[in-house]
Protein backbone atom coordinates (compact mmCIF):
# COMPACT_ATOMS: atom_id res chain seq x y z
CA MET A 1 4.44 -16.95 0.43
CA GLU A 2 1.82 -19.70 0.46
CA ALA A 3 -1.00 -17.17 0.06
CA PHE A 4 0.79 -15.60 -2.91
CA ASP A 5 1.32 -19.01 -4.55
CA ALA A 6 -2.34 -19.91 -4.04
CA ALA A 7 -3.52 -16.61 -5.53
CA LEU A 8 -1.17 -17.00 -8.49
CA THR A 9 -2.37 -20.56 -9.11
CA THR A 10 -5.99 -19.40 -9.08
CA LEU A 11 -5.16 -16.59 -11.49
CA ARG A 12 -3.45 -19.00 -13.87
CA GLU A 13 -6.32 -21.49 -13.73
CA THR A 14 -9.22 -19.07 -14.01
CA GLY A 15 -7.73 -15.98 -15.63
CA ALA A 16 -9.52 -13.90 -12.96
CA PRO A 17 -7.83 -12.05 -10.09
CA PRO A 18 -8.72 -13.05 -6.52
CA SER A 19 -11.82 -11.48 -5.04
CA SER A 20 -11.46 -8.52 -2.73
CA ALA A 21 -14.86 -9.09 -1.15
CA GLY A 22 -14.65 -8.46 2.58
CA ALA A 23 -11.14 -7.03 2.34
CA PRO A 24 -10.26 -3.57 3.66
CA ALA A 25 -10.61 -0.64 1.28
CA ILE A 26 -7.61 0.17 -0.94
CA ARG A 27 -6.96 3.38 1.05
CA ASP A 28 -6.79 1.37 4.29
CA ARG A 29 -4.40 -1.16 2.74
CA PHE A 30 -2.04 1.60 1.63
CA ARG A 31 -2.25 3.28 5.04
CA ARG A 32 -1.26 0.01 6.69
CA LEU A 33 1.92 0.10 4.60
CA GLY A 34 2.79 3.68 5.60
CA ALA A 35 1.04 5.77 2.94
CA ASP A 36 0.48 8.67 5.34
CA GLN A 37 4.20 8.93 6.11
CA TRP A 38 5.06 8.81 2.39
CA GLU A 39 2.46 11.51 1.69
CA ASP A 40 4.11 13.74 4.32
CA LEU A 41 7.49 13.26 2.62
CA ARG A 42 6.08 13.81 -0.87
CA THR A 43 4.37 17.03 0.21
CA ARG A 44 7.45 18.27 2.04
CA PHE A 45 9.69 17.77 -1.00
CA ARG A 46 7.08 19.16 -3.39
CA ASP A 47 6.80 22.33 -1.32
CA GLY A 48 10.59 22.70 -1.11
CA ASP A 49 10.80 22.27 2.68
CA ARG A 50 13.54 19.61 2.58
CA ASP A 51 15.10 20.70 5.86
CA ALA A 52 11.96 20.06 7.92
CA PRO A 53 12.28 17.19 10.40
CA ALA A 54 10.78 13.89 9.27
CA VAL A 55 7.63 12.68 10.97
CA ALA A 56 8.25 9.55 13.06
CA ALA A 57 6.30 6.45 12.09
CA GLU A 58 3.80 5.23 14.63
């Protein structure tokens, strides 16, 4: 919560979002939050294979 408050304060003071320099790529950030598992579900439902077993998270 402290990091969020600090970033919000900087945004309010400068009008600029925090720098992402040195941070992981956006794709890697989404993967860390389970993007691959969500993609499997999205594809399964899109293709109409709703009865297929879900893939277990690692």
